[in-house]
């Protein structure tokens, strides 16, 4: 793939030491290939690799690109606004997690205050066939980036090369924007579902909530994935429910050999002095870019902190994921949990995931690699047809 002056190709193929290759081959007319906007250190790309789906990520941040390079993830370094679908003609799936800083409750909230303007931008973009960018329109330049996935989707439609599937994620405050996207995409032939997913309900040892959009071209039956694990409720016992596994605790994920309590860097209940706490037999609170500031109170009364590898594990990155560059805590906090990404991508691409196989994969080495054995979509359709005939 060629590059423009706006971006440089950081890595074009996975090094020989990275052996996470697919164990199944999709028997469809076109094998899925993902273009991942705002790819960060690779949360979604790790999930896609586990599923055996090739990805290319566009990422501007040098530190995130350093991690991606060490991890063997295909990367184009540059500003998403300087590219369009024509630069990646082989991509069949569009994914993206635009920067959340202006929308998150932990920030100043300029994006939340601009939601009406953002939704107006959605309507303006839908009305223009060239789907222009909105540079300089908002008080914080990062706010406009949430519109970029729609620009890409509309340009692909204009060129009569619609993406087979679209997967987007952001903080819950962005749900109204995803609903505005839903209206535009449904008018243009996509089936779309949007909603807020709880990460612990998909086996992530963390109570992180994300606004998710899944769209599939020409298929009105699109749905978000259903939970596989129980939701976390403070004080409630962690046990199996009908059809659901217990949620995963920090102690299970980190296996430190001792109990501990995480004392948050943030205040709780509006009081900055009242630090939130989570015990090792509970899931972590939301992992943010300030995760490395949290303190661990150990059972013996001493204090400790999470390592980068442990913070990554709370996001379900592999234990040996090669974090690189600086500001690693921010990289970790910005990423979508790979395990959640697996469930969302699988639902978008009509793949079925065995939870026990996924357990093995999440806990395996990234360098040695252990993709998830999957049936192809056509095999699933064949099975559905047999069931229908019966």
Protein backbone atom coordinates (compact mmCIF):
# COMPACT_ATOMS: atom_id res chain seq x y z
CA UNK A 1 0.00 0.00 0.00
CA UNK A 2 1.32 3.44 -0.88
CA UNK A 3 1.55 6.28 1.59
CA UNK A 4 0.94 9.99 1.26
CA UNK A 5 2.91 12.91 2.64
CA UNK A 6 0.43 13.02 5.51
CA UNK A 7 1.44 9.63 6.89
CA UNK A 8 4.26 7.15 6.95
CA UNK A 9 3.92 3.39 6.90
CA UNK A 10 5.30 2.27 10.23
CA UNK A 11 4.95 -1.46 9.69
CA UNK A 12 3.61 -3.44 6.76
CA UNK A 13 3.82 -6.99 8.01
CA UNK A 14 3.94 -8.97 11.21
CA UNK A 15 7.48 -9.94 12.29
CA UNK A 16 8.41 -13.59 12.23
CA UNK A 17 8.41 -13.68 16.05
CA UNK A 18 4.69 -12.81 16.12
CA UNK A 19 2.86 -15.99 15.19
CA UNK A 20 -0.77 -15.12 15.92
CA UNK A 21 -2.12 -16.49 12.65
CA UNK A 22 -5.73 -17.55 12.05
CA UNK A 23 -6.81 -21.16 12.53
CA UNK A 24 -9.77 -20.75 10.24
CA UNK A 25 -10.30 -19.32 6.80
CA UNK A 26 -13.43 -17.34 5.95
CA UNK A 27 -15.04 -18.87 2.88
CA UNK A 28 -16.71 -15.74 1.58
CA UNK A 29 -16.37 -13.75 -1.62
CA UNK A 30 -14.11 -11.25 0.12
CA UNK A 31 -12.18 -12.01 3.27
CA UNK A 32 -12.69 -9.31 5.92
CA UNK A 33 -9.92 -6.76 6.20
CA UNK A 34 -10.17 -4.00 8.79
CA UNK A 35 -9.15 -0.36 8.55
CA UNK A 36 -9.03 0.88 12.15
CA UNK A 37 -9.29 4.64 12.68
CA UNK A 38 -7.67 6.12 15.82
CA UNK A 39 -6.13 2.71 16.40
CA UNK A 40 -4.19 3.59 19.56
CA UNK A 41 -1.87 0.88 20.87
CA UNK A 42 -4.09 -1.78 19.34
CA UNK A 43 -6.95 -2.92 21.57
CA UNK A 44 -9.25 -3.66 18.65
CA UNK A 45 -6.37 -4.89 16.48
CA UNK A 46 -5.36 -7.44 19.13
CA UNK A 47 -8.92 -8.74 19.18
CA UNK A 48 -8.98 -8.88 15.39
CA UNK A 49 -5.65 -10.74 15.34
CA UNK A 50 -7.05 -13.29 17.77
CA UNK A 51 -9.94 -13.74 15.30
CA UNK A 52 -7.52 -14.09 12.39
CA UNK A 53 -8.70 -10.91 10.66
CA UNK A 54 -6.01 -8.70 9.07
CA UNK A 55 -6.03 -5.07 10.20
CA UNK A 56 -4.33 -1.80 9.39
CA UNK A 57 -4.52 0.95 11.97
CA UNK A 58 -4.22 4.70 11.43
CA UNK A 59 -2.72 6.39 14.47
CA UNK A 60 -1.16 9.80 14.98
CA UNK A 61 0.41 9.41 18.43
CA UNK A 62 4.10 8.47 18.25
CA UNK A 63 4.04 6.54 21.52
CA UNK A 64 1.09 4.38 20.49
CA UNK A 65 2.80 3.77 17.15
CA UNK A 66 5.94 2.61 18.99
CA UNK A 67 3.87 0.02 20.86
CA UNK A 68 2.14 -1.09 17.68
CA UNK A 69 5.47 -1.50 15.91
CA UNK A 70 6.84 -3.69 18.69
CA UNK A 71 3.62 -5.72 18.70
CA UNK A 72 3.76 -6.29 14.95
CA UNK A 73 0.53 -4.44 14.16
CA UNK A 74 0.17 -2.92 10.70
CA UNK A 75 0.19 0.84 11.13
CA UNK A 76 0.01 4.03 9.11
CA UNK A 77 1.10 6.97 11.22
CA UNK A 78 -0.87 10.09 10.44
CA UNK A 79 -4.05 12.12 10.92
CA UNK A 80 -7.22 10.21 10.02
CA UNK A 81 -8.55 13.38 8.36
CA UNK A 82 -5.78 13.23 5.77
CA UNK A 83 -6.94 9.85 4.45
CA UNK A 84 -10.09 8.32 3.01
CA UNK A 85 -11.32 4.86 1.93
CA UNK A 86 -9.64 5.21 -1.45
CA UNK A 87 -6.27 4.96 0.27
CA UNK A 88 -7.21 1.49 1.57
CA UNK A 89 -9.12 -0.18 -1.27
CA UNK A 90 -8.84 -3.68 0.21
CA UNK A 91 -10.53 -2.76 3.49
CA UNK A 92 -14.00 -4.25 3.90
CA UNK A 93 -14.61 -3.39 7.56
CA UNK A 94 -14.40 0.06 9.14
CA UNK A 95 -13.68 0.35 12.86
CA UNK A 96 -12.79 3.26 15.09
CA UNK A 97 -12.64 4.63 18.60
CA UNK A 98 -12.27 8.42 18.25
CA UNK A 99 -10.53 10.31 21.07
CA UNK A 100 -12.80 10.48 24.10
CA UNK A 101 -11.10 13.20 26.15
CA UNK A 102 -13.66 15.92 25.36
CA UNK A 103 -16.61 13.58 26.07
CA UNK A 104 -15.46 11.66 29.14
CA UNK A 105 -16.76 12.60 32.58
CA UNK A 106 -13.15 12.73 33.77
CA UNK A 107 -12.38 15.63 31.40
CA UNK A 108 -13.64 19.19 31.04
CA UNK A 109 -16.55 18.00 28.89
CA UNK A 110 -16.33 20.42 25.97
CA UNK A 111 -17.50 17.62 23.68
CA UNK A 112 -20.52 16.90 25.88
CA UNK A 113 -21.40 20.60 25.78
CA UNK A 114 -21.11 20.51 21.98
CA UNK A 115 -23.30 17.46 21.39
CA UNK A 116 -25.98 19.48 19.58
CA UNK A 117 -23.33 20.94 17.27
CA UNK A 118 -21.84 17.49 16.68
CA UNK A 119 -25.23 16.05 15.73
CA UNK A 120 -25.80 19.03 13.43
CA UNK A 121 -22.44 18.14 11.89
CA UNK A 122 -23.75 14.61 11.28
CA UNK A 123 -26.71 16.02 9.36
CA UNK A 124 -24.52 18.41 7.37
CA UNK A 125 -22.13 15.62 6.48
CA UNK A 126 -24.99 13.35 5.37
CA UNK A 127 -26.30 16.08 3.07
CA UNK A 128 -23.00 16.54 1.26
CA UNK A 129 -21.78 13.88 -1.16
CA UNK A 130 -18.14 14.78 -0.53
CA UNK A 131 -18.63 14.40 3.24
CA UNK A 132 -16.12 17.08 4.17
CA UNK A 133 -14.19 17.25 7.42
CA UNK A 134 -15.06 19.81 10.10
CA UNK A 135 -11.64 21.22 10.94
CA UNK A 136 -11.66 24.15 13.33
CA UNK A 137 -15.40 24.08 13.96
CA UNK A 138 -15.26 23.13 17.65
CA UNK A 139 -13.55 24.66 20.68
CA UNK A 140 -11.43 21.53 21.07
CA UNK A 141 -10.04 20.11 17.84
CA UNK A 142 -10.51 16.56 19.14
CA UNK A 143 -14.30 16.91 19.31
CA UNK A 144 -14.70 16.96 15.53
CA UNK A 145 -12.83 13.66 15.19
CA UNK A 146 -15.93 11.76 16.32
CA UNK A 147 -17.43 12.61 12.90
CA UNK A 148 -14.61 11.01 10.92
CA UNK A 149 -15.97 7.43 10.82
CA UNK A 150 -19.17 8.74 9.21
CA UNK A 151 -17.14 10.66 6.63
CA UNK A 152 -15.34 7.44 5.74
CA UNK A 153 -18.58 5.45 5.55
CA UNK A 154 -20.26 8.04 3.31
CA UNK A 155 -17.28 8.31 0.98
CA UNK A 156 -17.21 4.54 0.58
CA UNK A 157 -20.92 4.59 -0.25
CA UNK A 158 -20.39 7.41 -2.74
CA UNK A 159 -17.74 5.35 -4.49
CA UNK A 160 -20.08 2.33 -4.53
CA UNK A 161 -17.70 0.35 -2.31
CA UNK A 162 -19.61 0.30 1.01
CA UNK A 163 -17.92 -1.27 3.98
CA UNK A 164 -19.33 -4.69 4.75
CA UNK A 165 -19.44 -3.84 8.45
CA UNK A 166 -18.76 -0.86 10.72
CA UNK A 167 -17.82 -1.04 14.41
CA UNK A 168 -17.43 2.09 16.53
CA UNK A 169 -16.83 2.61 20.26
CA UNK A 170 -16.66 5.56 22.59
CA UNK A 171 -17.61 6.66 26.11
CA UNK A 172 -21.36 6.48 26.92
CA UNK A 173 -21.79 10.25 26.48
CA UNK A 174 -21.35 9.74 22.73
CA UNK A 175 -24.38 7.46 22.41
CA UNK A 176 -26.55 10.30 20.95
CA UNK A 177 -23.95 10.73 18.19
CA UNK A 178 -24.02 7.02 17.39
CA UNK A 179 -27.83 7.22 17.21
CA UNK A 180 -27.50 10.08 14.73
CA UNK A 181 -25.06 7.90 12.74
CA UNK A 182 -27.60 5.07 12.94
CA UNK A 183 -30.27 7.18 11.27
CA UNK A 184 -27.95 8.21 8.44
CA UNK A 185 -26.61 4.70 7.84
CA UNK A 186 -30.04 3.05 7.95
CA UNK A 187 -31.22 5.42 5.24
CA UNK A 188 -28.34 4.16 3.09
CA UNK A 189 -28.84 0.42 3.34
CA UNK A 190 -27.21 -0.55 6.63
CA UNK A 191 -28.74 -2.45 9.49
CA UNK A 192 -27.51 -0.76 12.68
CA UNK A 193 -27.69 -1.33 16.40
CA UNK A 194 -26.31 0.94 19.10
CA UNK A 195 -26.15 0.76 22.87
CA UNK A 196 -23.93 0.78 25.93
CA UNK A 197 -22.06 -2.42 26.82
CA UNK A 198 -20.57 -3.22 30.22
CA UNK A 199 -17.11 -4.72 29.89
CA UNK A 200 -17.37 -7.03 32.89
CA UNK A 201 -20.36 -8.68 31.20
CA UNK A 202 -17.93 -9.94 28.54
CA UNK A 203 -15.23 -11.34 30.81
CA UNK A 204 -13.15 -8.18 31.23
CA UNK A 205 -11.98 -7.72 34.87
CA UNK A 206 -13.14 -4.12 34.82
CA UNK A 207 -16.43 -2.20 35.06
CA UNK A 208 -15.93 -0.12 31.93
CA UNK A 209 -18.98 1.07 29.97
CA UNK A 210 -18.69 1.81 26.26
CA UNK A 211 -21.11 3.15 23.66
CA UNK A 212 -20.99 0.72 20.74
CA UNK A 213 -22.29 0.94 17.17
CA UNK A 214 -22.45 -2.10 14.90
CA UNK A 215 -23.61 -1.74 11.30
CA UNK A 216 -23.79 -4.31 8.51
CA UNK A 217 -24.61 -3.45 4.94
CA UNK A 218 -27.81 -4.96 3.58
CA UNK A 219 -28.70 -6.80 6.80
CA UNK A 220 -31.54 -5.41 8.96
CA UNK A 221 -31.03 -8.07 11.67
CA UNK A 222 -27.96 -6.49 13.29
CA UNK A 223 -27.74 -6.75 17.08
CA UNK A 224 -25.16 -5.97 19.72
CA UNK A 225 -23.59 -9.01 21.41
CA UNK A 226 -25.35 -10.52 24.40
CA UNK A 227 -23.54 -10.69 27.76
CA UNK A 228 -21.56 -13.81 28.57
CA UNK A 229 -20.85 -12.93 32.23
CA UNK A 230 -22.78 -11.47 35.15
CA UNK A 231 -22.83 -7.74 35.72
CA UNK A 232 -21.03 -6.48 38.81
CA UNK A 233 -23.07 -5.11 41.73
CA UNK A 234 -21.23 -3.89 44.81
CA UNK A 235 -21.86 -6.23 47.71
CA UNK A 236 -23.56 -8.94 45.65
CA UNK A 237 -22.01 -12.44 45.56
CA UNK A 238 -20.18 -13.44 42.41
CA UNK A 239 -21.85 -16.59 41.20
CA UNK A 240 -23.07 -18.20 38.04
CA UNK A 241 -26.45 -17.03 36.77
CA UNK A 242 -28.63 -18.78 34.21
CA UNK A 243 -26.63 -18.76 30.99
CA UNK A 244 -24.00 -16.39 32.43
CA UNK A 245 -20.56 -16.97 33.90
CA UNK A 246 -19.35 -15.14 37.03
CA UNK A 247 -17.65 -11.82 36.43
CA UNK A 248 -13.84 -11.85 36.53
CA UNK A 249 -12.06 -10.23 39.47
CA UNK A 250 -8.76 -8.35 39.53
CA UNK A 251 -7.31 -11.08 41.72
CA UNK A 252 -8.10 -13.72 39.09
CA UNK A 253 -6.67 -11.59 36.29
CA UNK A 254 -3.46 -10.53 38.03
CA UNK A 255 -2.72 -13.60 40.19
CA UNK A 256 -0.54 -11.63 42.61
CA UNK A 257 -0.67 -14.35 45.24
CA UNK A 258 -2.14 -12.02 47.86
CA UNK A 259 -5.26 -9.96 48.38
CA UNK A 260 -5.11 -6.22 47.78
CA UNK A 261 -7.24 -3.11 47.51
CA UNK A 262 -6.87 -0.59 44.68
CA UNK A 263 -7.16 2.97 45.95
CA UNK A 264 -8.15 5.23 43.07
CA UNK A 265 -6.40 8.43 42.10
CA UNK A 266 -9.88 9.96 41.76
CA UNK A 267 -12.28 11.10 44.48
CA UNK A 268 -15.67 9.46 44.88
CA UNK A 269 -19.12 10.95 45.39
CA UNK A 270 -17.92 14.42 44.52
CA UNK A 271 -15.40 14.49 47.37
CA UNK A 272 -11.77 14.54 46.09
CA UNK A 273 -10.58 13.29 49.49
CA UNK A 274 -12.84 10.23 49.36
CA UNK A 275 -10.81 7.95 47.13
CA UNK A 276 -12.73 5.14 45.47
CA UNK A 277 -11.64 1.63 46.38
CA UNK A 278 -11.98 -1.78 44.75
CA UNK A 279 -10.91 -5.03 46.38
CA UNK A 280 -9.04 -7.79 44.58
CA UNK A 281 -12.13 -10.02 44.64
CA UNK A 282 -13.96 -7.41 42.54
CA UNK A 283 -13.46 -6.15 38.98
CA UNK A 284 -11.37 -3.03 38.55
CA UNK A 285 -13.00 0.36 38.20
CA UNK A 286 -12.65 1.90 34.74
CA UNK A 287 -9.01 1.88 33.65
CA UNK A 288 -8.13 5.44 32.64
CA UNK A 289 -4.97 7.12 31.44
CA UNK A 290 -4.15 7.81 35.10
CA UNK A 291 -4.14 4.11 36.02
CA UNK A 292 -0.49 4.18 37.06
CA UNK A 293 -1.31 6.73 39.80
CA UNK A 294 -3.59 4.28 41.59
CA UNK A 295 -2.14 2.68 44.71
CA UNK A 296 -2.44 -0.91 45.92
CA UNK A 297 -2.88 -1.55 49.64
CA UNK A 298 -1.62 -5.06 50.27
CA UNK A 299 -2.87 -7.53 52.86
CA UNK A 300 0.27 -6.99 54.96
CA UNK A 301 -0.39 -3.25 55.14
CA UNK A 302 2.31 -2.28 52.67
CA UNK A 303 1.70 -0.28 49.52
CA UNK A 304 2.41 -1.12 45.89
CA UNK A 305 1.45 -0.04 42.40
CA UNK A 306 0.41 -1.82 39.23
CA UNK A 307 3.02 -2.59 36.62
CA UNK A 308 2.32 -1.71 32.99
CA UNK A 309 1.76 -5.41 32.29
CA UNK A 310 -0.79 -5.64 35.12
CA UNK A 311 -2.64 -2.52 33.99
CA UNK A 312 -2.73 -4.02 30.51
CA UNK A 313 -4.10 -7.29 31.90
CA UNK A 314 -7.01 -5.40 33.48
CA UNK A 315 -7.79 -4.37 29.90
CA UNK A 316 -7.27 -8.03 28.75
CA UNK A 317 -4.10 -7.33 26.78
CA UNK A 318 -1.72 -10.34 26.79
CA UNK A 319 0.71 -10.44 29.71
CA UNK A 320 3.70 -10.02 27.39
CA UNK A 321 2.23 -7.32 25.16
CA UNK A 322 5.26 -5.12 24.32
CA UNK A 323 4.28 -1.70 25.62
CA UNK A 324 6.72 0.87 24.23
CA UNK A 325 7.31 4.59 23.97
CA UNK A 326 6.32 6.87 26.84
CA UNK A 327 3.03 7.66 28.59
CA UNK A 328 2.18 3.96 28.61
CA UNK A 329 -0.53 4.38 31.22
CA UNK A 330 -2.37 6.74 28.88
CA UNK A 331 -2.01 4.27 26.02
CA UNK A 332 -3.50 1.52 28.16
CA UNK A 333 -6.37 3.67 29.39
CA UNK A 334 -7.27 4.85 25.89
CA UNK A 335 -7.66 1.36 24.44
CA UNK A 336 -10.77 -0.75 24.02
CA UNK A 337 -10.35 -4.03 25.95
CA UNK A 338 -9.33 -6.64 23.35
CA UNK A 339 -11.71 -9.21 24.83
CA UNK A 340 -14.65 -6.84 24.40
CA UNK A 341 -13.41 -6.10 20.87
CA UNK A 342 -13.53 -9.82 20.07
CA UNK A 343 -17.21 -10.03 21.01
CA UNK A 344 -18.18 -6.89 19.11
CA UNK A 345 -16.22 -7.83 15.98
CA UNK A 346 -17.54 -11.38 16.05
CA UNK A 347 -21.10 -10.11 16.24
CA UNK A 348 -20.50 -7.62 13.42
CA UNK A 349 -19.00 -10.33 11.18
CA UNK A 350 -21.37 -13.12 12.22
CA UNK A 351 -18.71 -15.27 13.85
CA UNK A 352 -19.25 -17.41 16.91
CA UNK A 353 -16.74 -17.44 19.76
CA UNK A 354 -16.31 -20.22 22.30
CA UNK A 355 -15.77 -18.54 25.68
CA UNK A 356 -13.41 -21.23 26.94
CA UNK A 357 -11.27 -20.95 23.82
CA UNK A 358 -11.28 -17.18 24.29
CA UNK A 359 -10.13 -17.66 27.91
CA UNK A 360 -7.14 -19.64 26.66
CA UNK A 361 -6.30 -17.07 24.03
CA UNK A 362 -6.54 -14.06 26.35
CA UNK A 363 -4.22 -15.76 28.84
CA UNK A 364 -1.71 -16.90 26.23
CA UNK A 365 1.48 -15.23 25.07
CA UNK A 366 1.16 -12.52 22.43
CA UNK A 367 4.58 -13.30 20.96
CA UNK A 368 3.92 -17.03 20.65
CA UNK A 369 0.31 -16.44 19.67
CA UNK A 370 -2.88 -18.41 20.19
CA UNK A 371 -5.74 -17.42 17.91
CA UNK A 372 -9.30 -18.50 18.63
CA UNK A 373 -10.46 -21.56 16.66
CA UNK A 374 -13.58 -20.43 14.81
CA UNK A 375 -16.01 -21.81 12.28
CA UNK A 376 -16.28 -19.71 9.16
CA UNK A 377 -19.36 -17.66 8.46
CA UNK A 378 -20.36 -19.95 5.61
CA UNK A 379 -20.12 -22.97 7.94
CA UNK A 380 -22.41 -21.17 10.36
CA UNK A 381 -24.87 -20.38 7.56
CA UNK A 382 -24.79 -24.02 6.43
CA UNK A 383 -25.65 -25.10 9.98
CA UNK A 384 -28.47 -22.56 10.15
CA UNK A 385 -29.89 -23.85 6.88
CA UNK A 386 -29.83 -27.44 8.13
CA UNK A 387 -31.66 -26.34 11.27
CA UNK A 388 -34.23 -24.48 9.21
CA UNK A 389 -34.80 -27.50 7.00
CA UNK A 390 -35.42 -29.68 10.05
